[in-house]
Amino acid sequence: MATAASTSRSALLAVLASGCVFAQPPPPGPAIPTQATSDDIRARAEVLADEAERGVACDLAIHGEPQHDSDGRWLVAYAAAGETCDGAVNALRERGAALDIVFFRRPNADEAVELINKIRRSVGGAFGCRISIRDDLRLDERTTWWSVSYVASGVNCGDAAGELNRQGREVMISFAPVSGARELLR
């Protein structure tokens, strides 16, 4: 026969149990297959970017085809725009590191224009070469590099072209002389 104390304990446990909701973890994003392809990695990277930008004033965009490096990691380019991107980018990189995905930042179009103009001015001034940029900034989605055409005139423009390419490589920008303008580089 149940005592009043055991009955009230049972009733209390029933009330507590009915009020408990066991939280289930959120469903994982797309898993990375053992023999992952660049498409698999890109899909996972896009999910990670969406998660990292949720609730903050930052727009993260994945660009280009992920590259598999010799250490077994995947290299994925992204662009970030917004007021609070530092936290979102850190979250993106942390989540990626756990999956052997290394995120690296590619300049967005506005940043690329600023970098191009800065490089053009510094190289042109250093070499005494007048460099004019064309209005055809393009993004190669496969390589994630920006490319821009230019014309140059002056005495040291051959050396200036080499320096444009060297500085451009550091920031993922390819400088190409306009077809037919090569005679100006002499």
N, C-alpha and C. Protein backbone atom coordinates (compact mmCIF):
# COMPACT_ATOMS: atom_id res chain seq x y z
N MET A 1 0.84 -1.15 0.00
CA MET A 1 0.00 0.00 0.00
C MET A 1 0.90 1.23 0.00
N ALA A 2 0.57 2.17 -0.83
CA ALA A 2 1.37 3.39 -0.97
C ALA A 2 1.06 4.34 0.16
N THR A 3 2.08 4.93 0.66
CA THR A 3 1.89 5.93 1.70
C THR A 3 1.65 7.27 1.05
N ALA A 4 1.19 8.22 1.82
CA ALA A 4 0.92 9.56 1.31
C ALA A 4 2.21 10.21 0.83
N ALA A 5 3.33 9.96 1.52
CA ALA A 5 4.61 10.57 1.14
C ALA A 5 5.09 10.02 -0.19
N SER A 6 4.98 8.69 -0.39
CA SER A 6 5.44 8.11 -1.66
C SER A 6 4.53 8.51 -2.80
N THR A 7 3.22 8.67 -2.52
CA THR A 7 2.29 9.10 -3.56
C THR A 7 2.61 10.54 -3.97
N SER A 8 2.88 11.42 -2.99
CA SER A 8 3.18 12.79 -3.38
C SER A 8 4.53 12.89 -4.06
N ARG A 9 5.50 12.04 -3.68
CA ARG A 9 6.78 12.03 -4.38
C ARG A 9 6.58 11.58 -5.82
N SER A 10 5.78 10.57 -6.04
CA SER A 10 5.50 10.08 -7.39
C SER A 10 4.79 11.15 -8.21
N ALA A 11 3.85 11.84 -7.59
CA ALA A 11 3.13 12.90 -8.29
C ALA A 11 4.07 14.05 -8.64
N LEU A 12 4.96 14.38 -7.71
CA LEU A 12 5.91 15.45 -7.96
C LEU A 12 6.86 15.08 -9.10
N LEU A 13 7.35 13.84 -9.10
CA LEU A 13 8.22 13.38 -10.17
C LEU A 13 7.49 13.40 -11.52
N ALA A 14 6.22 13.02 -11.52
CA ALA A 14 5.44 13.03 -12.76
C ALA A 14 5.30 14.45 -13.29
N VAL A 15 5.04 15.40 -12.38
CA VAL A 15 4.91 16.80 -12.80
C VAL A 15 6.25 17.32 -13.33
N LEU A 16 7.34 17.02 -12.62
CA LEU A 16 8.65 17.47 -13.08
C LEU A 16 9.01 16.86 -14.42
N ALA A 17 8.76 15.58 -14.57
CA ALA A 17 9.09 14.90 -15.82
C ALA A 17 8.27 15.44 -16.98
N SER A 18 7.01 15.76 -16.74
CA SER A 18 6.17 16.27 -17.84
C SER A 18 6.60 17.67 -18.25
N GLY A 19 7.21 18.42 -17.33
CA GLY A 19 7.66 19.77 -17.65
C GLY A 19 9.04 19.81 -18.28
N CYS A 20 9.75 18.70 -18.24
CA CYS A 20 11.09 18.67 -18.82
C CYS A 20 11.02 18.41 -20.31
N VAL A 21 11.72 19.19 -21.02
CA VAL A 21 11.84 18.99 -22.45
C VAL A 21 13.30 18.73 -22.71
N PHE A 22 13.59 17.58 -23.22
CA PHE A 22 14.97 17.23 -23.51
C PHE A 22 15.35 17.83 -24.84
N ALA A 23 16.25 18.79 -24.79
CA ALA A 23 16.67 19.48 -26.01
C ALA A 23 17.54 18.55 -26.84
N GLN A 24 17.21 18.49 -28.09
CA GLN A 24 18.03 17.71 -29.00
C GLN A 24 18.98 18.66 -29.71
N PRO A 25 20.19 18.20 -29.96
CA PRO A 25 21.12 19.09 -30.67
C PRO A 25 20.59 19.40 -32.05
N PRO A 26 20.96 20.57 -32.57
CA PRO A 26 20.49 20.91 -33.92
C PRO A 26 21.05 19.92 -34.92
N PRO A 27 20.31 19.69 -35.98
CA PRO A 27 20.80 18.75 -36.98
C PRO A 27 22.11 19.28 -37.58
N PRO A 28 23.06 18.38 -37.77
CA PRO A 28 24.33 18.84 -38.34
C PRO A 28 24.14 19.28 -39.78
N GLY A 29 25.05 20.16 -40.22
CA GLY A 29 25.04 20.57 -41.62
C GLY A 29 25.47 19.40 -42.46
N PRO A 30 25.56 19.60 -43.75
CA PRO A 30 25.98 18.49 -44.60
C PRO A 30 27.32 17.93 -44.13
N ALA A 31 27.37 16.65 -43.96
CA ALA A 31 28.61 16.02 -43.52
C ALA A 31 29.61 16.02 -44.66
N ILE A 32 30.88 15.98 -44.30
CA ILE A 32 31.92 15.93 -45.30
C ILE A 32 32.25 14.46 -45.53
N PRO A 33 32.04 13.98 -46.74
CA PRO A 33 32.34 12.57 -47.02
C PRO A 33 33.83 12.28 -46.86
N THR A 34 34.15 11.03 -46.64
CA THR A 34 35.54 10.63 -46.48
C THR A 34 36.37 11.01 -47.70
N GLN A 35 35.87 10.76 -48.87
CA GLN A 35 36.56 11.14 -50.11
C GLN A 35 35.88 12.38 -50.68
N ALA A 36 35.99 13.48 -49.96
CA ALA A 36 35.29 14.71 -50.32
C ALA A 36 35.81 15.31 -51.62
N THR A 37 34.90 15.89 -52.36
CA THR A 37 35.24 16.63 -53.57
C THR A 37 35.19 18.12 -53.24
N SER A 38 35.66 18.95 -54.14
CA SER A 38 35.60 20.39 -53.90
C SER A 38 34.15 20.86 -53.80
N ASP A 39 33.22 20.20 -54.51
CA ASP A 39 31.81 20.56 -54.39
C ASP A 39 31.28 20.25 -52.99
N ASP A 40 31.69 19.11 -52.41
CA ASP A 40 31.28 18.76 -51.05
C ASP A 40 31.79 19.81 -50.06
N ILE A 41 33.03 20.21 -50.23
CA ILE A 41 33.65 21.18 -49.31
C ILE A 41 32.99 22.54 -49.47
N ARG A 42 32.70 22.93 -50.71
CA ARG A 42 32.05 24.22 -50.92
C ARG A 42 30.67 24.25 -50.27
N ALA A 43 29.91 23.16 -50.41
CA ALA A 43 28.58 23.09 -49.80
C ALA A 43 28.69 23.22 -48.27
N ARG A 44 29.63 22.53 -47.69
CA ARG A 44 29.82 22.60 -46.23
C ARG A 44 30.30 24.00 -45.82
N ALA A 45 31.20 24.60 -46.60
CA ALA A 45 31.70 25.93 -46.30
C ALA A 45 30.57 26.96 -46.34
N GLU A 46 29.65 26.81 -47.28
CA GLU A 46 28.52 27.75 -47.37
C GLU A 46 27.62 27.63 -46.15
N VAL A 47 27.42 26.40 -45.66
CA VAL A 47 26.62 26.20 -44.45
C VAL A 47 27.33 26.85 -43.25
N LEU A 48 28.64 26.64 -43.15
CA LEU A 48 29.40 27.25 -42.05
C LEU A 48 29.34 28.77 -42.11
N ALA A 49 29.42 29.34 -43.30
CA ALA A 49 29.33 30.80 -43.45
C ALA A 49 27.96 31.30 -43.03
N ASP A 50 26.90 30.59 -43.43
CA ASP A 50 25.55 30.98 -43.03
C ASP A 50 25.40 30.96 -41.51
N GLU A 51 25.95 29.92 -40.87
CA GLU A 51 25.88 29.82 -39.41
C GLU A 51 26.67 30.95 -38.74
N ALA A 52 27.85 31.25 -39.25
CA ALA A 52 28.71 32.26 -38.64
C ALA A 52 28.14 33.67 -38.75
N GLU A 53 27.41 33.97 -39.83
CA GLU A 53 26.88 35.32 -40.02
C GLU A 53 25.51 35.51 -39.39
N ARG A 54 24.92 34.44 -38.91
CA ARG A 54 23.58 34.52 -38.32
C ARG A 54 23.60 35.41 -37.07
N GLY A 55 22.75 36.41 -37.07
CA GLY A 55 22.60 37.28 -35.91
C GLY A 55 23.61 38.41 -35.80
N VAL A 56 24.47 38.57 -36.79
CA VAL A 56 25.44 39.68 -36.76
C VAL A 56 25.35 40.46 -38.07
N ALA A 57 25.86 41.67 -38.04
CA ALA A 57 25.82 42.54 -39.22
C ALA A 57 27.04 42.25 -40.10
N CYS A 58 27.04 41.08 -40.70
CA CYS A 58 28.16 40.68 -41.56
C CYS A 58 27.63 39.74 -42.64
N ASP A 59 28.06 39.98 -43.85
CA ASP A 59 27.68 39.11 -44.97
C ASP A 59 28.93 38.36 -45.41
N LEU A 60 28.91 37.05 -45.23
CA LEU A 60 30.03 36.21 -45.64
C LEU A 60 29.65 35.49 -46.93
N ALA A 61 30.56 35.49 -47.88
CA ALA A 61 30.30 34.82 -49.16
C ALA A 61 31.49 33.94 -49.51
N ILE A 62 31.21 32.70 -49.88
CA ILE A 62 32.24 31.76 -50.28
C ILE A 62 32.50 31.96 -51.77
N HIS A 63 33.78 31.95 -52.15
CA HIS A 63 34.14 32.18 -53.54
C HIS A 63 35.08 31.11 -54.06
N GLY A 64 34.91 30.82 -55.31
CA GLY A 64 35.85 29.94 -56.00
C GLY A 64 35.73 28.48 -55.63
N GLU A 65 36.62 27.74 -56.20
CA GLU A 65 36.67 26.30 -55.99
C GLU A 65 37.64 25.98 -54.87
N PRO A 66 37.19 25.28 -53.83
CA PRO A 66 38.12 24.90 -52.75
C PRO A 66 39.29 24.10 -53.31
N GLN A 67 40.46 24.36 -52.75
CA GLN A 67 41.68 23.67 -53.18
C GLN A 67 42.17 22.77 -52.07
N HIS A 68 42.56 21.57 -52.43
CA HIS A 68 43.08 20.61 -51.46
C HIS A 68 44.59 20.80 -51.39
N ASP A 69 45.13 21.09 -50.19
CA ASP A 69 46.57 21.32 -50.09
C ASP A 69 47.32 20.04 -49.71
N SER A 70 48.63 20.11 -49.72
CA SER A 70 49.46 18.93 -49.49
C SER A 70 49.36 18.42 -48.05
N ASP A 71 48.87 19.23 -47.13
CA ASP A 71 48.70 18.79 -45.74
C ASP A 71 47.36 18.13 -45.48
N GLY A 72 46.56 17.96 -46.53
CA GLY A 72 45.25 17.33 -46.38
C GLY A 72 44.14 18.29 -46.00
N ARG A 73 44.45 19.57 -45.93
CA ARG A 73 43.42 20.56 -45.61
C ARG A 73 42.81 21.12 -46.89
N TRP A 74 41.65 21.70 -46.74
CA TRP A 74 40.98 22.37 -47.85
C TRP A 74 41.11 23.87 -47.66
N LEU A 75 41.49 24.57 -48.70
CA LEU A 75 41.61 26.03 -48.68
C LEU A 75 40.39 26.62 -49.37
N VAL A 76 39.68 27.49 -48.67
CA VAL A 76 38.43 28.05 -49.18
C VAL A 76 38.49 29.57 -49.06
N ALA A 77 38.24 30.26 -50.16
CA ALA A 77 38.24 31.73 -50.17
C ALA A 77 36.87 32.25 -49.77
N TYR A 78 36.87 33.37 -49.06
CA TYR A 78 35.62 34.02 -48.69
C TYR A 78 35.81 35.53 -48.77
N ALA A 79 34.69 36.23 -48.84
CA ALA A 79 34.68 37.68 -48.73
C ALA A 79 33.75 38.03 -47.59
N ALA A 80 34.04 39.13 -46.91
CA ALA A 80 33.22 39.55 -45.78
C ALA A 80 32.93 41.04 -45.91
N ALA A 81 31.69 41.40 -45.67
CA ALA A 81 31.30 42.81 -45.71
C ALA A 81 30.30 43.07 -44.59
N GLY A 82 30.54 44.10 -43.81
CA GLY A 82 29.63 44.44 -42.74
C GLY A 82 30.36 45.05 -41.57
N GLU A 83 29.55 45.52 -40.62
CA GLU A 83 30.10 46.24 -39.47
C GLU A 83 30.74 45.34 -38.43
N THR A 84 30.23 44.13 -38.27
CA THR A 84 30.70 43.26 -37.18
C THR A 84 31.24 41.94 -37.71
N CYS A 85 32.13 42.03 -38.67
CA CYS A 85 32.62 40.81 -39.30
C CYS A 85 33.73 40.10 -38.52
N ASP A 86 34.40 40.79 -37.62
CA ASP A 86 35.49 40.14 -36.89
C ASP A 86 35.02 38.88 -36.17
N GLY A 87 33.94 38.98 -35.43
CA GLY A 87 33.42 37.83 -34.70
C GLY A 87 32.93 36.73 -35.64
N ALA A 88 32.25 37.13 -36.71
CA ALA A 88 31.74 36.14 -37.66
C ALA A 88 32.89 35.42 -38.36
N VAL A 89 33.92 36.15 -38.72
CA VAL A 89 35.08 35.54 -39.39
C VAL A 89 35.80 34.59 -38.44
N ASN A 90 35.96 35.00 -37.18
CA ASN A 90 36.61 34.11 -36.20
C ASN A 90 35.81 32.83 -36.02
N ALA A 91 34.49 32.95 -35.95
CA ALA A 91 33.63 31.76 -35.81
C ALA A 91 33.76 30.87 -37.05
N LEU A 92 33.78 31.48 -38.22
CA LEU A 92 33.92 30.72 -39.46
C LEU A 92 35.23 29.95 -39.46
N ARG A 93 36.31 30.61 -39.12
CA ARG A 93 37.62 29.95 -39.12
C ARG A 93 37.70 28.84 -38.07
N GLU A 94 37.13 29.06 -36.89
CA GLU A 94 37.14 28.02 -35.86
C GLU A 94 36.35 26.80 -36.29
N ARG A 95 35.18 27.02 -36.84
CA ARG A 95 34.35 25.89 -37.30
C ARG A 95 35.04 25.15 -38.44
N GLY A 96 35.68 25.90 -39.32
CA GLY A 96 36.38 25.28 -40.43
C GLY A 96 37.58 24.47 -39.97
N ALA A 97 38.32 24.99 -39.00
CA ALA A 97 39.52 24.30 -38.51
C ALA A 97 39.19 22.91 -37.99
N ALA A 98 38.03 22.76 -37.36
CA ALA A 98 37.63 21.45 -36.84
C ALA A 98 37.39 20.44 -37.96
N LEU A 99 37.18 20.93 -39.18
CA LEU A 99 36.92 20.06 -40.33
C LEU A 99 38.06 20.07 -41.34
N ASP A 100 39.22 20.60 -40.94
CA ASP A 100 40.37 20.73 -41.83
C ASP A 100 40.07 21.62 -43.04
N ILE A 101 39.27 22.65 -42.80
CA ILE A 101 38.99 23.66 -43.82
C ILE A 101 39.65 24.95 -43.35
N VAL A 102 40.52 25.51 -44.17
CA VAL A 102 41.20 26.76 -43.85
C VAL A 102 40.55 27.85 -44.72
N PHE A 103 39.93 28.81 -44.05
CA PHE A 103 39.30 29.91 -44.76
C PHE A 103 40.30 31.06 -44.89
N PHE A 104 40.41 31.62 -46.10
CA PHE A 104 41.25 32.79 -46.30
C PHE A 104 40.43 33.86 -46.99
N ARG A 105 40.71 35.10 -46.63
CA ARG A 105 39.91 36.21 -47.11
C ARG A 105 40.39 36.72 -48.45
N ARG A 106 39.47 36.80 -49.39
CA ARG A 106 39.71 37.40 -50.69
C ARG A 106 39.08 38.78 -50.64
N PRO A 107 39.75 39.80 -51.17
CA PRO A 107 39.16 41.14 -51.12
C PRO A 107 37.86 41.20 -51.92
N ASN A 108 36.88 41.94 -51.39
CA ASN A 108 35.65 42.14 -52.16
C ASN A 108 35.93 43.19 -53.23
N ALA A 109 34.96 43.51 -54.06
CA ALA A 109 35.18 44.41 -55.20
C ALA A 109 35.66 45.80 -54.76
N ASP A 110 35.05 46.35 -53.71
CA ASP A 110 35.46 47.68 -53.24
C ASP A 110 36.89 47.66 -52.72
N GLU A 111 37.22 46.61 -51.96
CA GLU A 111 38.58 46.49 -51.44
C GLU A 111 39.58 46.29 -52.57
N ALA A 112 39.18 45.51 -53.58
CA ALA A 112 40.07 45.27 -54.73
C ALA A 112 40.37 46.57 -55.46
N VAL A 113 39.37 47.41 -55.64
CA VAL A 113 39.58 48.70 -56.32
C VAL A 113 40.56 49.56 -55.51
N GLU A 114 40.39 49.59 -54.19
CA GLU A 114 41.31 50.36 -53.35
C GLU A 114 42.73 49.82 -53.45
N LEU A 115 42.87 48.50 -53.40
CA LEU A 115 44.21 47.89 -53.50
C LEU A 115 44.84 48.16 -54.86
N ILE A 116 44.05 48.04 -55.92
CA ILE A 116 44.56 48.28 -57.27
C ILE A 116 45.09 49.71 -57.40
N ASN A 117 44.32 50.66 -56.92
CA ASN A 117 44.75 52.06 -57.01
C ASN A 117 45.99 52.33 -56.16
N LYS A 118 46.06 51.74 -55.00
CA LYS A 118 47.23 51.91 -54.13
C LYS A 118 48.48 51.32 -54.81
N ILE A 119 48.35 50.13 -55.35
CA ILE A 119 49.49 49.49 -56.03
C ILE A 119 49.88 50.29 -57.27
N ARG A 120 48.91 50.71 -58.06
CA ARG A 120 49.18 51.48 -59.27
C ARG A 120 49.96 52.75 -58.95
N ARG A 121 49.50 53.48 -57.92
CA ARG A 121 50.19 54.73 -57.55
C ARG A 121 51.62 54.47 -57.06
N SER A 122 51.77 53.48 -56.20
CA SER A 122 53.11 53.25 -55.64
C SER A 122 54.08 52.74 -56.70
N VAL A 123 53.64 51.84 -57.56
CA VAL A 123 54.52 51.30 -58.61
C VAL A 123 54.81 52.36 -59.66
N GLY A 124 53.78 53.05 -60.09
CA GLY A 124 53.98 54.09 -61.10
C GLY A 124 54.95 55.15 -60.62
N GLY A 125 54.81 55.60 -59.37
CA GLY A 125 55.70 56.61 -58.82
C GLY A 125 57.13 56.11 -58.66
N ALA A 126 57.27 54.87 -58.22
CA ALA A 126 58.61 54.32 -57.98
C ALA A 126 59.39 54.09 -59.27
N PHE A 127 58.68 53.77 -60.35
CA PHE A 127 59.37 53.44 -61.60
C PHE A 127 59.27 54.54 -62.65
N GLY A 128 58.59 55.63 -62.35
CA GLY A 128 58.45 56.70 -63.33
C GLY A 128 57.64 56.25 -64.53
N CYS A 129 56.65 55.42 -64.29
CA CYS A 129 55.82 54.85 -65.36
C CYS A 129 54.37 55.27 -65.13
N ARG A 130 53.76 55.81 -66.13
CA ARG A 130 52.35 56.20 -66.03
C ARG A 130 51.49 54.97 -66.29
N ILE A 131 50.70 54.57 -65.30
CA ILE A 131 49.86 53.37 -65.39
C ILE A 131 48.41 53.80 -65.29
N SER A 132 47.63 53.41 -66.30
CA SER A 132 46.19 53.71 -66.30
C SER A 132 45.42 52.41 -66.25
N ILE A 133 44.48 52.32 -65.32
CA ILE A 133 43.66 51.12 -65.13
C ILE A 133 42.41 51.24 -66.00
N ARG A 134 42.01 50.14 -66.60
CA ARG A 134 40.77 50.08 -67.37
C ARG A 134 39.61 49.77 -66.43
N ASP A 135 38.40 50.01 -66.88
CA ASP A 135 37.20 49.78 -66.06
C ASP A 135 36.66 48.36 -66.17
N ASP A 136 37.54 47.39 -66.22
CA ASP A 136 37.05 46.02 -66.43
C ASP A 136 37.51 45.06 -65.34
N LEU A 137 37.36 45.46 -64.08
CA LEU A 137 37.68 44.58 -62.97
C LEU A 137 36.80 43.34 -63.05
N ARG A 138 37.43 42.18 -63.04
CA ARG A 138 36.68 40.91 -63.16
C ARG A 138 37.14 39.95 -62.06
N LEU A 139 36.20 39.15 -61.61
CA LEU A 139 36.51 38.11 -60.64
C LEU A 139 36.46 36.76 -61.34
N ASP A 140 37.54 36.02 -61.26
CA ASP A 140 37.58 34.65 -61.79
C ASP A 140 37.12 33.74 -60.65
N GLU A 141 35.89 33.27 -60.72
CA GLU A 141 35.31 32.45 -59.65
C GLU A 141 36.09 31.16 -59.42
N ARG A 142 36.73 30.64 -60.45
CA ARG A 142 37.47 29.39 -60.28
C ARG A 142 38.71 29.60 -59.42
N THR A 143 39.46 30.65 -59.71
CA THR A 143 40.70 30.90 -58.97
C THR A 143 40.50 31.84 -57.78
N THR A 144 39.39 32.57 -57.75
CA THR A 144 39.05 33.59 -56.75
C THR A 144 39.93 34.84 -56.84
N TRP A 145 40.63 35.01 -57.94
CA TRP A 145 41.48 36.18 -58.14
C TRP A 145 40.71 37.26 -58.91
N TRP A 146 41.00 38.50 -58.57
CA TRP A 146 40.53 39.63 -59.34
C TRP A 146 41.52 39.86 -60.47
N SER A 147 41.04 40.30 -61.62
CA SER A 147 41.95 40.67 -62.70
C SER A 147 41.54 42.03 -63.25
N VAL A 148 42.55 42.77 -63.68
CA VAL A 148 42.32 44.11 -64.19
C VAL A 148 43.32 44.35 -65.31
N SER A 149 42.88 45.10 -66.31
CA SER A 149 43.75 45.46 -67.43
C SER A 149 44.29 46.86 -67.22
N TYR A 150 45.45 47.10 -67.78
CA TYR A 150 46.05 48.42 -67.67
C TYR A 150 46.84 48.75 -68.92
N VAL A 151 47.12 50.03 -69.09
CA VAL A 151 48.07 50.50 -70.10
C VAL A 151 49.13 51.29 -69.35
N ALA A 152 50.35 51.27 -69.89
CA ALA A 152 51.46 51.95 -69.22
C ALA A 152 52.33 52.65 -70.26
N SER A 153 52.90 53.78 -69.88
CA SER A 153 53.84 54.47 -70.76
C SER A 153 54.94 55.08 -69.91
N GLY A 154 56.13 55.03 -70.43
CA GLY A 154 57.28 55.56 -69.71
C GLY A 154 58.51 54.72 -69.97
N VAL A 155 59.62 55.10 -69.35
CA VAL A 155 60.89 54.44 -69.63
C VAL A 155 61.10 53.14 -68.86
N ASN A 156 60.59 52.99 -67.69
CA ASN A 156 60.82 51.80 -66.86
C ASN A 156 59.57 50.94 -66.70
N CYS A 157 58.71 50.94 -67.68
CA CYS A 157 57.43 50.24 -67.53
C CYS A 157 57.56 48.72 -67.54
N GLY A 158 58.62 48.20 -68.15
CA GLY A 158 58.84 46.75 -68.10
C GLY A 158 59.08 46.29 -66.67
N ASP A 159 59.92 47.03 -65.95
CA ASP A 159 60.17 46.73 -64.54
C ASP A 159 58.91 46.97 -63.70
N ALA A 160 58.17 48.01 -64.05
CA ALA A 160 56.94 48.32 -63.33
C ALA A 160 55.93 47.19 -63.49
N ALA A 161 55.84 46.59 -64.68
CA ALA A 161 54.92 45.48 -64.91
C ALA A 161 55.25 44.31 -64.00
N GLY A 162 56.53 44.01 -63.84
CA GLY A 162 56.94 42.94 -62.94
C GLY A 162 56.54 43.22 -61.51
N GLU A 163 56.70 44.47 -61.09
CA GLU A 163 56.34 44.84 -59.72
C GLU A 163 54.83 44.85 -59.52
N LEU A 164 54.07 45.27 -60.53
CA LEU A 164 52.60 45.18 -60.43
C LEU A 164 52.19 43.74 -60.16
N ASN A 165 52.76 42.82 -60.94
CA ASN A 165 52.40 41.41 -60.78
C ASN A 165 52.84 40.86 -59.42
N ARG A 166 54.01 41.26 -58.94
CA ARG A 166 54.48 40.78 -57.64
C ARG A 166 53.56 41.25 -56.52
N GLN A 167 53.26 42.56 -56.51
CA GLN A 167 52.39 43.09 -55.46
C GLN A 167 50.96 42.57 -55.61
N GLY A 168 50.50 42.39 -56.84
CA GLY A 168 49.16 41.86 -57.06
C GLY A 168 49.00 40.44 -56.55
N ARG A 169 50.02 39.62 -56.75
CA ARG A 169 49.97 38.22 -56.27
C ARG A 169 49.70 38.16 -54.77
N GLU A 170 50.28 39.08 -54.02
CA GLU A 170 50.12 39.08 -52.56
C GLU A 170 48.68 39.31 -52.12
N VAL A 171 47.87 39.96 -52.97
CA VAL A 171 46.49 40.27 -52.60
C VAL A 171 45.47 39.67 -53.58
N MET A 172 45.90 38.69 -54.35
CA MET A 172 45.03 37.95 -55.26
C MET A 172 44.44 38.83 -56.37
N ILE A 173 45.30 39.69 -56.93
CA ILE A 173 44.91 40.55 -58.05
C ILE A 173 45.90 40.33 -59.17
N SER A 174 45.37 40.07 -60.36
CA SER A 174 46.20 39.87 -61.54
C SER A 174 46.13 41.12 -62.41
N PHE A 175 47.29 41.68 -62.73
CA PHE A 175 47.38 42.84 -63.61
C PHE A 175 47.79 42.36 -64.99
N ALA A 176 47.04 42.74 -66.02
CA ALA A 176 47.36 42.32 -67.39
C ALA A 176 47.37 43.54 -68.30
N PRO A 177 48.44 43.68 -69.10
CA PRO A 177 48.46 44.82 -70.03
C PRO A 177 47.37 44.64 -71.09
N VAL A 178 46.81 45.74 -71.52
CA VAL A 178 45.78 45.72 -72.56
C VAL A 178 46.40 45.20 -73.85
N SER A 179 45.71 44.31 -74.55
CA SER A 179 46.21 43.80 -75.83
C SER A 179 46.50 44.97 -76.75
N GLY A 180 47.64 44.89 -77.44
CA GLY A 180 48.01 45.95 -78.36
C GLY A 180 48.77 47.08 -77.67
N ALA A 181 48.85 47.05 -76.32
CA ALA A 181 49.54 48.10 -75.61
C ALA A 181 50.94 47.69 -75.18
N ARG A 182 51.39 46.54 -75.59
CA ARG A 182 52.70 46.07 -75.17
C ARG A 182 53.83 46.98 -75.64
N GLU A 183 53.66 47.62 -76.78
CA GLU A 183 54.72 48.51 -77.24
C GLU A 183 54.93 49.69 -76.30
N LEU A 184 53.91 50.01 -75.48
CA LEU A 184 54.06 51.10 -74.52
C LEU A 184 54.95 50.73 -73.35
N LEU A 185 55.16 49.42 -73.14
CA LEU A 185 55.94 48.97 -71.99
C LEU A 185 57.43 49.10 -72.20
N ARG A 186 57.89 49.45 -73.37
CA ARG A 186 59.34 49.55 -73.63
C ARG A 186 59.95 50.77 -73.05
